[in-house]
Amino acid sequence: MIMLVKILIGLVAVLHLYILWLEMFAWTTRGPKVFRNFPAHLFPATKALAANQGLYNGFLAAGLVWSLLISDPVWHANVALFFLSCVAVAGLYGTLTADKKIFFTQALPALITIGLLLVQYDW
């Protein structure tokens, strides 16, 4: 179970690195293909805003990667739970305010990983 949780944490981190790349470096090129419900003419005007969001997603990924590097199991779990909770909250907020698909791509993987992490440590 420990390895599964670490793999899932890694996958959530990779997802947020992809979001970082998309929002910071590919907003005007790849962004319109990913976010089809957002008017195409707004992508150039919101490039700086998207880059800021991408930076925050990078911080989430960094925290998740950091949790994987912690050898103490309790600290690993605490740090992972904090950053997974941040991802879940961001995903739920995005679901309510932007697009329902965000629940399945961002919030649900974090929530599943949180659940498995809690089961692993009998919390």
PDB file of N, CA and C in Angstrom:
ATOM      1  N   MET A   1       0.823  -1.198   0.000  1.00  0.00           N
ATOM      2  CA  MET A   1       0.000   0.000   0.000  1.00  0.00           C
ATOM      3  C   MET A   1       0.863   1.256   0.000  1.00  0.00           C
ATOM      4  N   ILE A   2       2.014   1.190   0.695  1.00  0.00           N
ATOM      5  CA  ILE A   2       2.896   2.349   0.766  1.00  0.00           C
ATOM      6  C   ILE A   2       3.350   2.758  -0.637  1.00  0.00           C
ATOM      7  N   MET A   3       3.729   1.791  -1.434  1.00  0.00           N
ATOM      8  CA  MET A   3       4.204   2.092  -2.790  1.00  0.00           C
ATOM      9  C   MET A   3       3.076   2.664  -3.654  1.00  0.00           C
ATOM     10  N   LEU A   4       1.867   2.127  -3.526  1.00  0.00           N
ATOM     11  CA  LEU A   4       0.731   2.655  -4.279  1.00  0.00           C
ATOM     12  C   LEU A   4       0.477   4.116  -3.933  1.00  0.00           C
ATOM     13  N   VAL A   5       0.510   4.444  -2.651  1.00  0.00           N
ATOM     14  CA  VAL A   5       0.289   5.822  -2.225  1.00  0.00           C
ATOM     15  C   VAL A   5       1.373   6.726  -2.800  1.00  0.00           C
ATOM     16  N   LYS A   6       2.614   6.281  -2.758  1.00  0.00           N
ATOM     17  CA  LYS A   6       3.709   7.095  -3.301  1.00  0.00           C
ATOM     18  C   LYS A   6       3.571   7.282  -4.808  1.00  0.00           C
ATOM     19  N   ILE A   7       3.147   6.246  -5.503  1.00  0.00           N
ATOM     20  CA  ILE A   7       2.927   6.369  -6.951  1.00  0.00           C
ATOM     21  C   ILE A   7       1.817   7.382  -7.232  1.00  0.00           C
ATOM     22  N   LEU A   8       0.723   7.299  -6.471  1.00  0.00           N
ATOM     23  CA  LEU A   8      -0.385   8.240  -6.674  1.00  0.00           C
ATOM     24  C   LEU A   8       0.033   9.680  -6.356  1.00  0.00           C
ATOM     25  N   ILE A   9       0.807   9.854  -5.292  1.00  0.00           N
ATOM     26  CA  ILE A   9       1.323  11.196  -4.975  1.00  0.00           C
ATOM     27  C   ILE A   9       2.171  11.701  -6.144  1.00  0.00           C
ATOM     28  N   GLY A  10       3.011  10.825  -6.676  1.00  0.00           N
ATOM     29  CA  GLY A  10       3.835  11.198  -7.824  1.00  0.00           C
ATOM     30  C   GLY A  10       3.008  11.559  -9.038  1.00  0.00           C
ATOM     31  N   LEU A  11       1.938  10.824  -9.284  1.00  0.00           N
ATOM     32  CA  LEU A  11       1.072  11.131 -10.426  1.00  0.00           C
ATOM     33  C   LEU A  11       0.359  12.469 -10.253  1.00  0.00           C
ATOM     34  N   VAL A  12      -0.092  12.760  -9.035  1.00  0.00           N
ATOM     35  CA  VAL A  12      -0.731  14.061  -8.771  1.00  0.00           C
ATOM     36  C   VAL A  12       0.301  15.169  -8.967  1.00  0.00           C
ATOM     37  N   ALA A  13       1.536  14.945  -8.535  1.00  0.00           N
ATOM     38  CA  ALA A  13       2.596  15.937  -8.729  1.00  0.00           C
ATOM     39  C   ALA A  13       2.870  16.166 -10.213  1.00  0.00           C
ATOM     40  N   VAL A  14       2.947  15.088 -10.982  1.00  0.00           N
ATOM     41  CA  VAL A  14       3.183  15.209 -12.427  1.00  0.00           C
ATOM     42  C   VAL A  14       2.037  15.970 -13.087  1.00  0.00           C
ATOM     43  N   LEU A  15       0.817  15.687 -12.682  1.00  0.00           N
ATOM     44  CA  LEU A  15      -0.332  16.416 -13.221  1.00  0.00           C
ATOM     45  C   LEU A  15      -0.167  17.921 -12.988  1.00  0.00           C
ATOM     46  N   HIS A  16       0.280  18.287 -11.801  1.00  0.00           N
ATOM     47  CA  HIS A  16       0.424  19.705 -11.495  1.00  0.00           C
ATOM     48  C   HIS A  16       1.635  20.325 -12.179  1.00  0.00           C
ATOM     49  N   LEU A  17       2.639  19.537 -12.483  1.00  0.00           N
ATOM     50  CA  LEU A  17       3.728  20.039 -13.319  1.00  0.00           C
ATOM     51  C   LEU A  17       3.237  20.289 -14.738  1.00  0.00           C
ATOM     52  N   TYR A  18       2.358  19.417 -15.229  1.00  0.00           N
ATOM     53  CA  TYR A  18       1.753  19.635 -16.547  1.00  0.00           C
ATOM     54  C   TYR A  18       0.915  20.910 -16.543  1.00  0.00           C
ATOM     55  N   ILE A  19       0.126  21.113 -15.500  1.00  0.00           N
ATOM     56  CA  ILE A  19      -0.684  22.328 -15.408  1.00  0.00           C
ATOM     57  C   ILE A  19       0.222  23.558 -15.357  1.00  0.00           C
ATOM     58  N   LEU A  20       1.332  23.467 -14.597  1.00  0.00           N
ATOM     59  CA  LEU A  20       2.306  24.561 -14.571  1.00  0.00           C
ATOM     60  C   LEU A  20       2.765  24.886 -15.982  1.00  0.00           C
ATOM     61  N   TRP A  21       3.208  23.862 -16.707  1.00  0.00           N
ATOM     62  CA  TRP A  21       3.682  24.070 -18.076  1.00  0.00           C
ATOM     63  C   TRP A  21       2.594  24.685 -18.947  1.00  0.00           C
ATOM     64  N   LEU A  22       1.406  24.144 -18.865  1.00  0.00           N
ATOM     65  CA  LEU A  22       0.310  24.624 -19.697  1.00  0.00           C
ATOM     66  C   LEU A  22      -0.012  26.085 -19.414  1.00  0.00           C
ATOM     67  N   GLU A  23      -0.134  26.432 -18.147  1.00  0.00           N
ATOM     68  CA  GLU A  23      -0.557  27.787 -17.791  1.00  0.00           C
ATOM     69  C   GLU A  23       0.573  28.810 -17.896  1.00  0.00           C
ATOM     70  N   MET A  24       1.813  28.382 -17.673  1.00  0.00           N
ATOM     71  CA  MET A  24       2.919  29.340 -17.713  1.00  0.00           C
ATOM     72  C   MET A  24       3.555  29.472 -19.099  1.00  0.00           C
ATOM     73  N   PHE A  25       3.601  28.398 -19.852  1.00  0.00           N
ATOM     74  CA  PHE A  25       4.377  28.420 -21.088  1.00  0.00           C
ATOM     75  C   PHE A  25       3.582  28.104 -22.351  1.00  0.00           C
ATOM     76  N   ALA A  26       2.404  27.522 -22.220  1.00  0.00           N
ATOM     77  CA  ALA A  26       1.650  27.128 -23.412  1.00  0.00           C
ATOM     78  C   ALA A  26       0.217  27.667 -23.389  1.00  0.00           C
ATOM     79  N   TRP A  27      -0.008  28.711 -22.618  1.00  0.00           N
ATOM     80  CA  TRP A  27      -1.368  29.233 -22.451  1.00  0.00           C
ATOM     81  C   TRP A  27      -1.987  29.666 -23.776  1.00  0.00           C
ATOM     82  N   THR A  28      -1.227  30.361 -24.613  1.00  0.00           N
ATOM     83  CA  THR A  28      -1.795  30.869 -25.862  1.00  0.00           C
ATOM     84  C   THR A  28      -1.705  29.871 -27.007  1.00  0.00           C
ATOM     85  N   THR A  29      -0.904  28.814 -26.857  1.00  0.00           N
ATOM     86  CA  THR A  29      -0.784  27.833 -27.935  1.00  0.00           C
ATOM     87  C   THR A  29      -1.614  26.585 -27.670  1.00  0.00           C
ATOM     88  N   ARG A  30      -1.367  25.942 -26.564  1.00  0.00           N
ATOM     89  CA  ARG A  30      -2.081  24.699 -26.217  1.00  0.00           C
ATOM     90  C   ARG A  30      -3.351  24.979 -25.416  1.00  0.00           C
ATOM     91  N   GLY A  31      -3.354  26.075 -24.657  1.00  0.00           N
ATOM     92  CA  GLY A  31      -4.495  26.417 -23.805  1.00  0.00           C
ATOM     93  C   GLY A  31      -5.849  26.398 -24.508  1.00  0.00           C
ATOM     94  N   PRO A  32      -5.961  27.038 -25.679  1.00  0.00           N
ATOM     95  CA  PRO A  32      -7.267  27.040 -26.362  1.00  0.00           C
ATOM     96  C   PRO A  32      -7.763  25.638 -26.742  1.00  0.00           C
ATOM     97  N   LYS A  33      -6.849  24.703 -26.937  1.00  0.00           N
ATOM     98  CA  LYS A  33      -7.253  23.332 -27.274  1.00  0.00           C
ATOM     99  C   LYS A  33      -7.734  22.577 -26.040  1.00  0.00           C
ATOM    100  N   VAL A  34      -7.166  22.925 -24.881  1.00  0.00           N
ATOM    101  CA  VAL A  34      -7.526  22.247 -23.635  1.00  0.00           C
ATOM    102  C   VAL A  34      -8.793  22.857 -23.034  1.00  0.00           C
ATOM    103  N   PHE A  35      -8.856  24.188 -23.043  1.00  0.00           N
ATOM    104  CA  PHE A  35      -9.987  24.897 -22.441  1.00  0.00           C
ATOM    105  C   PHE A  35     -10.893  25.423 -23.546  1.00  0.00           C
ATOM    106  N   ARG A  36     -11.633  24.545 -24.164  1.00  0.00           N
ATOM    107  CA  ARG A  36     -12.466  24.908 -25.314  1.00  0.00           C
ATOM    108  C   ARG A  36     -13.647  25.805 -24.944  1.00  0.00           C
ATOM    109  N   ASN A  37     -14.074  25.777 -23.680  1.00  0.00           N
ATOM    110  CA  ASN A  37     -15.221  26.597 -23.283  1.00  0.00           C
ATOM    111  C   ASN A  37     -14.817  28.040 -22.973  1.00  0.00           C
ATOM    112  N   PHE A  38     -13.523  28.342 -23.007  1.00  0.00           N
ATOM    113  CA  PHE A  38     -13.006  29.683 -22.757  1.00  0.00           C
ATOM    114  C   PHE A  38     -12.830  30.366 -24.111  1.00  0.00           C
ATOM    115  N   PRO A  39     -13.382  31.554 -24.300  1.00  0.00           N
ATOM    116  CA  PRO A  39     -13.274  32.231 -25.610  1.00  0.00           C
ATOM    117  C   PRO A  39     -11.807  32.421 -26.036  1.00  0.00           C
ATOM    118  N   ALA A  40     -11.509  32.052 -27.258  1.00  0.00           N
ATOM    119  CA  ALA A  40     -10.134  32.066 -27.766  1.00  0.00           C
ATOM    120  C   ALA A  40      -9.492  33.449 -27.711  1.00  0.00           C
ATOM    121  N   HIS A  41     -10.275  34.472 -27.903  1.00  0.00           N
ATOM    122  CA  HIS A  41      -9.693  35.825 -27.921  1.00  0.00           C
ATOM    123  C   HIS A  41      -9.210  36.291 -26.537  1.00  0.00           C
ATOM    124  N   LEU A  42      -9.602  35.576 -25.484  1.00  0.00           N
ATOM    125  CA  LEU A  42      -9.189  35.964 -24.136  1.00  0.00           C
ATOM    126  C   LEU A  42      -7.848  35.359 -23.701  1.00  0.00           C
ATOM    127  N   PHE A  43      -7.347  34.380 -24.434  1.00  0.00           N
ATOM    128  CA  PHE A  43      -6.100  33.743 -24.021  1.00  0.00           C
ATOM    129  C   PHE A  43      -4.923  34.718 -23.987  1.00  0.00           C
ATOM    130  N   PRO A  44      -4.691  35.510 -25.028  1.00  0.00           N
ATOM    131  CA  PRO A  44      -3.576  36.469 -24.921  1.00  0.00           C
ATOM    132  C   PRO A  44      -3.765  37.481 -23.784  1.00  0.00           C
ATOM    133  N   ALA A  45      -4.969  37.914 -23.563  1.00  0.00           N
ATOM    134  CA  ALA A  45      -5.231  38.919 -22.527  1.00  0.00           C
ATOM    135  C   ALA A  45      -5.072  38.358 -21.113  1.00  0.00           C
ATOM    136  N   THR A  46      -5.185  37.068 -20.966  1.00  0.00           N
ATOM    137  CA  THR A  46      -5.096  36.455 -19.629  1.00  0.00           C
ATOM    138  C   THR A  46      -3.804  35.678 -19.427  1.00  0.00           C
ATOM    139  N   LYS A  47      -2.834  35.894 -20.296  1.00  0.00           N
ATOM    140  CA  LYS A  47      -1.580  35.138 -20.228  1.00  0.00           C
ATOM    141  C   LYS A  47      -0.873  35.314 -18.880  1.00  0.00           C
ATOM    142  N   ALA A  48      -0.779  36.529 -18.381  1.00  0.00           N
ATOM    143  CA  ALA A  48      -0.099  36.767 -17.100  1.00  0.00           C
ATOM    144  C   ALA A  48      -0.870  36.138 -15.948  1.00  0.00           C
ATOM    145  N   LEU A  49      -2.176  36.232 -15.987  1.00  0.00           N
ATOM    146  CA  LEU A  49      -3.013  35.625 -14.952  1.00  0.00           C
ATOM    147  C   LEU A  49      -2.836  34.106 -14.935  1.00  0.00           C
ATOM    148  N   ALA A  50      -2.838  33.502 -16.107  1.00  0.00           N
ATOM    149  CA  ALA A  50      -2.650  32.055 -16.201  1.00  0.00           C
ATOM    150  C   ALA A  50      -1.260  31.650 -15.705  1.00  0.00           C
ATOM    151  N   ALA A  51      -0.261  32.451 -16.032  1.00  0.00           N
ATOM    152  CA  ALA A  51       1.103  32.145 -15.568  1.00  0.00           C
ATOM    153  C   ALA A  51       1.167  32.166 -14.049  1.00  0.00           C
ATOM    154  N   ASN A  52       0.460  33.094 -13.434  1.00  0.00           N
ATOM    155  CA  ASN A  52       0.414  33.156 -11.970  1.00  0.00           C
ATOM    156  C   ASN A  52      -0.228  31.897 -11.408  1.00  0.00           C
ATOM    157  N   GLN A  53      -1.315  31.457 -12.012  1.00  0.00           N
ATOM    158  CA  GLN A  53      -1.965  30.213 -11.588  1.00  0.00           C
ATOM    159  C   GLN A  53      -1.027  29.028 -11.772  1.00  0.00           C
ATOM    160  N   GLY A  54      -0.294  29.020 -12.870  1.00  0.00           N
ATOM    161  CA  GLY A  54       0.655  27.942 -13.128  1.00  0.00           C
ATOM    162  C   GLY A  54       1.734  27.868 -12.065  1.00  0.00           C
ATOM    163  N   LEU A  55       2.182  29.036 -11.613  1.00  0.00           N
ATOM    164  CA  LEU A  55       3.193  29.071 -10.561  1.00  0.00           C
ATOM    165  C   LEU A  55       2.671  28.412  -9.289  1.00  0.00           C
ATOM    166  N   TYR A  56       1.432  28.695  -8.925  1.00  0.00           N
ATOM    167  CA  TYR A  56       0.840  28.065  -7.744  1.00  0.00           C
ATOM    168  C   TYR A  56       0.741  26.552  -7.913  1.00  0.00           C
ATOM    169  N   ASN A  57       0.406  26.100  -9.108  1.00  0.00           N
ATOM    170  CA  ASN A  57       0.369  24.659  -9.355  1.00  0.00           C
ATOM    171  C   ASN A  57       1.760  24.050  -9.228  1.00  0.00           C
ATOM    172  N   GLY A  58       2.772  24.808  -9.603  1.00  0.00           N
ATOM    173  CA  GLY A  58       4.145  24.351  -9.413  1.00  0.00           C
ATOM    174  C   GLY A  58       4.500  24.188  -7.945  1.00  0.00           C
ATOM    175  N   PHE A  59       4.004  25.115  -7.103  1.00  0.00           N
ATOM    176  CA  PHE A  59       4.247  24.993  -5.667  1.00  0.00           C
ATOM    177  C   PHE A  59       3.579  23.733  -5.107  1.00  0.00           C
ATOM    178  N   LEU A  60       2.384  23.422  -5.597  1.00  0.00           N
ATOM    179  CA  LEU A  60       1.720  22.189  -5.159  1.00  0.00           C
ATOM    180  C   LEU A  60       2.547  20.963  -5.557  1.00  0.00           C
ATOM    181  N   ALA A  61       3.021  20.961  -6.791  1.00  0.00           N
ATOM    182  CA  ALA A  61       3.848  19.833  -7.253  1.00  0.00           C
ATOM    183  C   ALA A  61       5.124  19.729  -6.431  1.00  0.00           C
ATOM    184  N   ALA A  62       5.752  20.866  -6.142  1.00  0.00           N
ATOM    185  CA  ALA A  62       6.987  20.857  -5.352  1.00  0.00           C
ATOM    186  C   ALA A  62       6.735  20.280  -3.963  1.00  0.00           C
ATOM    187  N   GLY A  63       5.630  20.649  -3.353  1.00  0.00           N
ATOM    188  CA  GLY A  63       5.302  20.113  -2.031  1.00  0.00           C
ATOM    189  C   GLY A  63       5.068  18.617  -2.058  1.00  0.00           C
ATOM    190  N   LEU A  64       4.409  18.150  -3.107  1.00  0.00           N
ATOM    191  CA  LEU A  64       4.161  16.711  -3.215  1.00  0.00           C
ATOM    192  C   LEU A  64       5.460  15.942  -3.451  1.00  0.00           C
ATOM    193  N   VAL A  65       6.333  16.483  -4.296  1.00  0.00           N
ATOM    194  CA  VAL A  65       7.631  15.840  -4.519  1.00  0.00           C
ATOM    195  C   VAL A  65       8.436  15.859  -3.222  1.00  0.00           C
ATOM    196  N   TRP A  66       8.408  16.981  -2.510  1.00  0.00           N
ATOM    197  CA  TRP A  66       9.104  17.063  -1.225  1.00  0.00           C
ATOM    198  C   TRP A  66       8.619  15.958  -0.284  1.00  0.00           C
ATOM    199  N   SER A  67       7.294  15.739  -0.246  1.00  0.00           N
ATOM    200  CA  SER A  67       6.764  14.709   0.649  1.00  0.00           C
ATOM    201  C   SER A  67       7.334  13.336   0.316  1.00  0.00           C
ATOM    202  N   LEU A  68       7.604  13.090  -0.962  1.00  0.00           N
ATOM    203  CA  LEU A  68       8.166  11.800  -1.376  1.00  0.00           C
ATOM    204  C   LEU A  68       9.622  11.641  -0.939  1.00  0.00           C
ATOM    205  N   LEU A  69      10.284  12.737  -0.670  1.00  0.00           N
ATOM    206  CA  LEU A  69      11.700  12.694  -0.287  1.00  0.00           C
ATOM    207  C   LEU A  69      11.909  12.606   1.219  1.00  0.00           C
ATOM    208  N   ILE A  70      10.836  12.687   1.978  1.00  0.00           N
ATOM    209  CA  ILE A  70      10.926  12.647   3.437  1.00  0.00           C
ATOM    210  C   ILE A  70      10.949  11.188   3.884  1.00  0.00           C
ATOM    211  N   SER A  71      11.975  10.827   4.634  1.00  0.00           N
ATOM    212  CA  SER A  71      12.109   9.427   5.045  1.00  0.00           C
ATOM    213  C   SER A  71      11.283   9.078   6.281  1.00  0.00           C
ATOM    214  N   ASP A  72      11.048  10.034   7.154  1.00  0.00           N
ATOM    215  CA  ASP A  72      10.238   9.766   8.342  1.00  0.00           C
ATOM    216  C   ASP A  72       8.784   9.561   7.916  1.00  0.00           C
ATOM    217  N   PRO A  73       8.180   8.416   8.217  1.00  0.00           N
ATOM    218  CA  PRO A  73       6.825   8.119   7.724  1.00  0.00           C
ATOM    219  C   PRO A  73       5.757   9.091   8.220  1.00  0.00           C
ATOM    220  N   VAL A  74       5.889   9.564   9.450  1.00  0.00           N
ATOM    221  CA  VAL A  74       4.872  10.484   9.978  1.00  0.00           C
ATOM    222  C   VAL A  74       4.966  11.830   9.286  1.00  0.00           C
ATOM    223  N   TRP A  75       6.192  12.349   9.143  1.00  0.00           N
ATOM    224  CA  TRP A  75       6.353  13.624   8.452  1.00  0.00           C
ATOM    225  C   TRP A  75       5.960  13.509   6.981  1.00  0.00           C
ATOM    226  N   HIS A  76       6.334  12.395   6.364  1.00  0.00           N
ATOM    227  CA  HIS A  76       5.943  12.161   4.968  1.00  0.00           C
ATOM    228  C   HIS A  76       4.421  12.245   4.836  1.00  0.00           C
ATOM    229  N   ALA A  77       3.728  11.557   5.721  1.00  0.00           N
ATOM    230  CA  ALA A  77       2.266  11.538   5.661  1.00  0.00           C
ATOM    231  C   ALA A  77       1.687  12.921   5.918  1.00  0.00           C
ATOM    232  N   ASN A  78       2.212  13.636   6.902  1.00  0.00           N
ATOM    233  CA  ASN A  78       1.687  14.972   7.217  1.00  0.00           C
ATOM    234  C   ASN A  78       1.876  15.950   6.064  1.00  0.00           C
ATOM    235  N   VAL A  79       3.068  15.958   5.489  1.00  0.00           N
ATOM    236  CA  VAL A  79       3.342  16.874   4.377  1.00  0.00           C
ATOM    237  C   VAL A  79       2.501  16.489   3.160  1.00  0.00           C
ATOM    238  N   ALA A  80       2.433  15.192   2.877  1.00  0.00           N
ATOM    239  CA  ALA A  80       1.625  14.729   1.746  1.00  0.00           C
ATOM    240  C   ALA A  80       0.154  15.080   1.951  1.00  0.00           C
ATOM    241  N   LEU A  81      -0.367  14.870   3.144  1.00  0.00           N
ATOM    242  CA  LEU A  81      -1.771  15.211   3.420  1.00  0.00           C
ATOM    243  C   LEU A  81      -2.033  16.702   3.248  1.00  0.00           C
ATOM    244  N   PHE A  82      -1.101  17.526   3.699  1.00  0.00           N
ATOM    245  CA  PHE A  82      -1.288  18.967   3.537  1.00  0.00           C
ATOM    246  C   PHE A  82      -1.381  19.341   2.061  1.00  0.00           C
ATOM    247  N   PHE A  83      -0.408  18.919   1.265  1.00  0.00           N
ATOM    248  CA  PHE A  83      -0.398  19.319  -0.141  1.00  0.00           C
ATOM    249  C   PHE A  83      -1.510  18.641  -0.942  1.00  0.00           C
ATOM    250  N   LEU A  84      -1.842  17.400  -0.632  1.00  0.00           N
ATOM    251  CA  LEU A  84      -2.984  16.754  -1.296  1.00  0.00           C
ATOM    252  C   LEU A  84      -4.285  17.458  -0.937  1.00  0.00           C
ATOM    253  N   SER A  85      -4.399  17.915   0.294  1.00  0.00           N
ATOM    254  CA  SER A  85      -5.593  18.666   0.703  1.00  0.00           C
ATOM    255  C   SER A  85      -5.685  19.987  -0.050  1.00  0.00           C
ATOM    256  N   CYS A  86      -4.547  20.649  -0.238  1.00  0.00           N
ATOM    257  CA  CYS A  86      -4.543  21.883  -1.034  1.00  0.00           C
ATOM    258  C   CYS A  86      -5.008  21.602  -2.466  1.00  0.00           C
ATOM    259  N   VAL A  87      -4.529  20.518  -3.037  1.00  0.00           N
ATOM    260  CA  VAL A  87      -4.939  20.126  -4.391  1.00  0.00           C
ATOM    261  C   VAL A  87      -6.437  19.841  -4.420  1.00  0.00           C
ATOM    262  N   ALA A  88      -6.929  19.100  -3.437  1.00  0.00           N
ATOM    263  CA  ALA A  88      -8.353  18.753  -3.397  1.00  0.00           C
ATOM    264  C   ALA A  88      -9.219  20.001  -3.269  1.00  0.00           C
ATOM    265  N   VAL A  89      -8.838  20.916  -2.398  1.00  0.00           N
ATOM    266  CA  VAL A  89      -9.613  22.156  -2.225  1.00  0.00           C
ATOM    267  C   VAL A  89      -9.594  22.972  -3.523  1.00  0.00           C
ATOM    268  N   ALA A  90      -8.414  23.099  -4.136  1.00  0.00           N
ATOM    269  CA  ALA A  90      -8.330  23.832  -5.399  1.00  0.00           C
ATOM    270  C   ALA A  90      -9.196  23.160  -6.470  1.00  0.00           C
ATOM    271  N   GLY A  91      -9.169  21.832  -6.503  1.00  0.00           N
ATOM    272  CA  GLY A  91      -9.980  21.104  -7.474  1.00  0.00           C
ATOM    273  C   GLY A  91     -11.472  21.264  -7.234  1.00  0.00           C
ATOM    274  N   LEU A  92     -11.873  21.240  -5.974  1.00  0.00           N
ATOM    275  CA  LEU A  92     -13.296  21.431  -5.659  1.00  0.00           C
ATOM    276  C   LEU A  92     -13.740  22.847  -5.993  1.00  0.00           C
ATOM    277  N   TYR A  93     -12.897  23.820  -5.698  1.00  0.00           N
ATOM    278  CA  TYR A  93     -13.225  25.205  -6.030  1.00  0.00           C
ATOM    279  C   TYR A  93     -13.329  25.376  -7.550  1.00  0.00           C
ATOM    280  N   GLY A  94     -12.378  24.799  -8.268  1.00  0.00           N
ATOM    281  CA  GLY A  94     -12.431  24.863  -9.727  1.00  0.00           C
ATOM    282  C   GLY A  94     -13.657  24.170 -10.291  1.00  0.00           C
ATOM    283  N   THR A  95     -14.067  23.083  -9.666  1.00  0.00           N
ATOM    284  CA  THR A  95     -15.280  22.374 -10.089  1.00  0.00           C
ATOM    285  C   THR A  95     -16.502  23.269  -9.951  1.00  0.00           C
ATOM    286  N   LEU A  96     -16.574  23.975  -8.838  1.00  0.00           N
ATOM    287  CA  LEU A  96     -17.735  24.827  -8.574  1.00  0.00           C
ATOM    288  C   LEU A  96     -17.732  26.116  -9.387  1.00  0.00           C
ATOM    289  N   THR A  97     -16.558  26.619  -9.730  1.00  0.00           N
ATOM    290  CA  THR A  97     -16.491  27.936 -10.363  1.00  0.00           C
ATOM    291  C   THR A  97     -16.101  27.929 -11.831  1.00  0.00           C
ATOM    292  N   ALA A  98     -15.447  26.873 -12.297  1.00  0.00           N
ATOM    293  CA  ALA A  98     -14.937  26.902 -13.669  1.00  0.00           C
ATOM    294  C   ALA A  98     -15.505  25.788 -14.549  1.00  0.00           C
ATOM    295  N   ASP A  99     -15.222  24.544 -14.202  1.00  0.00           N
ATOM    296  CA  ASP A  99     -15.599  23.426 -15.070  1.00  0.00           C
ATOM    297  C   ASP A  99     -15.756  22.161 -14.235  1.00  0.00           C
ATOM    298  N   LYS A 100     -16.829  21.445 -14.452  1.00  0.00           N
ATOM    299  CA  LYS A 100     -17.106  20.223 -13.687  1.00  0.00           C
ATOM    300  C   LYS A 100     -16.057  19.134 -13.918  1.00  0.00           C
ATOM    301  N   LYS A 101     -15.371  19.160 -15.075  1.00  0.00           N
ATOM    302  CA  LYS A 101     -14.350  18.152 -15.372  1.00  0.00           C
ATOM    303  C   LYS A 101     -13.166  18.249 -14.409  1.00  0.00           C
ATOM    304  N   ILE A 102     -12.964  19.408 -13.811  1.00  0.00           N
ATOM    305  CA  ILE A 102     -11.841  19.589 -12.891  1.00  0.00           C
ATOM    306  C   ILE A 102     -11.962  18.628 -11.705  1.00  0.00           C
ATOM    307  N   PHE A 103     -13.182  18.292 -11.333  1.00  0.00           N
ATOM    308  CA  PHE A 103     -13.346  17.342 -10.224  1.00  0.00           C
ATOM    309  C   PHE A 103     -12.648  16.033 -10.534  1.00  0.00           C
ATOM    310  N   PHE A 104     -12.821  15.532 -11.755  1.00  0.00           N
ATOM    311  CA  PHE A 104     -12.289  14.222 -12.114  1.00  0.00           C
ATOM    312  C   PHE A 104     -10.788  14.258 -12.409  1.00  0.00           C
ATOM    313  N   THR A 105     -10.295  15.385 -12.908  1.00  0.00           N
ATOM    314  CA  THR A 105      -8.877  15.453 -13.254  1.00  0.00           C
ATOM    315  C   THR A 105      -7.997  15.925 -12.104  1.00  0.00           C
ATOM    316  N   GLN A 106      -8.563  16.699 -11.163  1.00  0.00           N
ATOM    317  CA  GLN A 106      -7.734  17.260 -10.109  1.00  0.00           C
ATOM    318  C   GLN A 106      -8.184  16.834  -8.709  1.00  0.00           C
ATOM    319  N   ALA A 107      -9.444  17.062  -8.378  1.00  0.00           N
ATOM    320  CA  ALA A 107      -9.908  16.806  -7.007  1.00  0.00           C
ATOM    321  C   ALA A 107      -9.978  15.310  -6.695  1.00  0.00           C
ATOM    322  N   LEU A 108     -10.569  14.521  -7.569  1.00  0.00           N
ATOM    323  CA  LEU A 108     -10.761  13.098  -7.289  1.00  0.00           C
ATOM    324  C   LEU A 108      -9.445  12.340  -7.076  1.00  0.00           C
ATOM    325  N   PRO A 109      -8.431  12.517  -7.941  1.00  0.00           N
ATOM    326  CA  PRO A 109      -7.170  11.817  -7.655  1.00  0.00           C
ATOM    327  C   PRO A 109      -6.576  12.195  -6.298  1.00  0.00           C
ATOM    328  N   ALA A 110      -6.669  13.458  -5.931  1.00  0.00           N
ATOM    329  CA  ALA A 110      -6.155  13.879  -4.622  1.00  0.00           C
ATOM    330  C   ALA A 110      -6.971  13.266  -3.497  1.00  0.00           C
ATOM    331  N   LEU A 111      -8.287  13.249  -3.645  1.00  0.00           N
ATOM    332  CA  LEU A 111      -9.143  12.688  -2.597  1.00  0.00           C
ATOM    333  C   LEU A 111      -8.924  11.184  -2.427  1.00  0.00           C
ATOM    334  N   ILE A 112      -8.762  10.483  -3.529  1.00  0.00           N
ATOM    335  CA  ILE A 112      -8.484   9.042  -3.454  1.00  0.00           C
ATOM    336  C   ILE A 112      -7.152   8.804  -2.745  1.00  0.00           C
ATOM    337  N   THR A 113      -6.147   9.588  -3.100  1.00  0.00           N
ATOM    338  CA  THR A 113      -4.835   9.435  -2.477  1.00  0.00           C
ATOM    339  C   THR A 113      -4.898   9.775  -0.992  1.00  0.00           C
ATOM    340  N   ILE A 114      -5.642  10.810  -0.635  1.00  0.00           N
ATOM    341  CA  ILE A 114      -5.831  11.156   0.782  1.00  0.00           C
ATOM    342  C   ILE A 114      -6.468   9.975   1.519  1.00  0.00           C
ATOM    343  N   GLY A 115      -7.511   9.408   0.930  1.00  0.00           N
ATOM    344  CA  GLY A 115      -8.189   8.275   1.555  1.00  0.00           C
ATOM    345  C   GLY A 115      -7.259   7.101   1.773  1.00  0.00           C
ATOM    346  N   LEU A 116      -6.464   6.764   0.769  1.00  0.00           N
ATOM    347  CA  LEU A 116      -5.522   5.646   0.902  1.00  0.00           C
ATOM    348  C   LEU A 116      -4.433   5.957   1.923  1.00  0.00           C
ATOM    349  N   LEU A 117      -3.992   7.202   1.951  1.00  0.00           N
ATOM    350  CA  LEU A 117      -2.983   7.596   2.936  1.00  0.00           C
ATOM    351  C   LEU A 117      -3.519   7.490   4.351  1.00  0.00           C
ATOM    352  N   LEU A 118      -4.757   7.887   4.548  1.00  0.00           N
ATOM    353  CA  LEU A 118      -5.367   7.790   5.868  1.00  0.00           C
ATOM    354  C   LEU A 118      -5.575   6.331   6.284  1.00  0.00           C
ATOM    355  N   VAL A 119      -5.983   5.493   5.356  1.00  0.00           N
ATOM    356  CA  VAL A 119      -6.150   4.062   5.642  1.00  0.00           C
ATOM    357  C   VAL A 119      -4.795   3.443   5.983  1.00  0.00           C
ATOM    358  N   GLN A 120      -3.774   3.832   5.245  1.00  0.00           N
ATOM    359  CA  GLN A 120      -2.434   3.287   5.466  1.00  0.00           C
ATOM    360  C   GLN A 120      -1.951   3.539   6.890  1.00  0.00           C
ATOM    361  N   TYR A 121      -2.267   4.699   7.425  1.00  0.00           N
ATOM    362  CA  TYR A 121      -1.791   5.050   8.775  1.00  0.00           C
ATOM    363  C   TYR A 121      -2.878   4.913   9.849  1.00  0.00           C
ATOM    364  N   ASP A 122      -3.993   4.279   9.524  1.00  0.00           N
ATOM    365  CA  ASP A 122      -5.093   4.046  10.462  1.00  0.00           C
ATOM    366  C   ASP A 122      -5.557   5.334  11.148  1.00  0.00           C
ATOM    367  N   TRP A 123      -5.688   6.418  10.366  1.00  0.00           N
ATOM    368  CA  TRP A 123      -6.138   7.697  10.956  1.00  0.00           C
ATOM    369  C   TRP A 123      -7.627   7.794  10.881  1.00  0.00           C
TER     370      TRP A 123
END
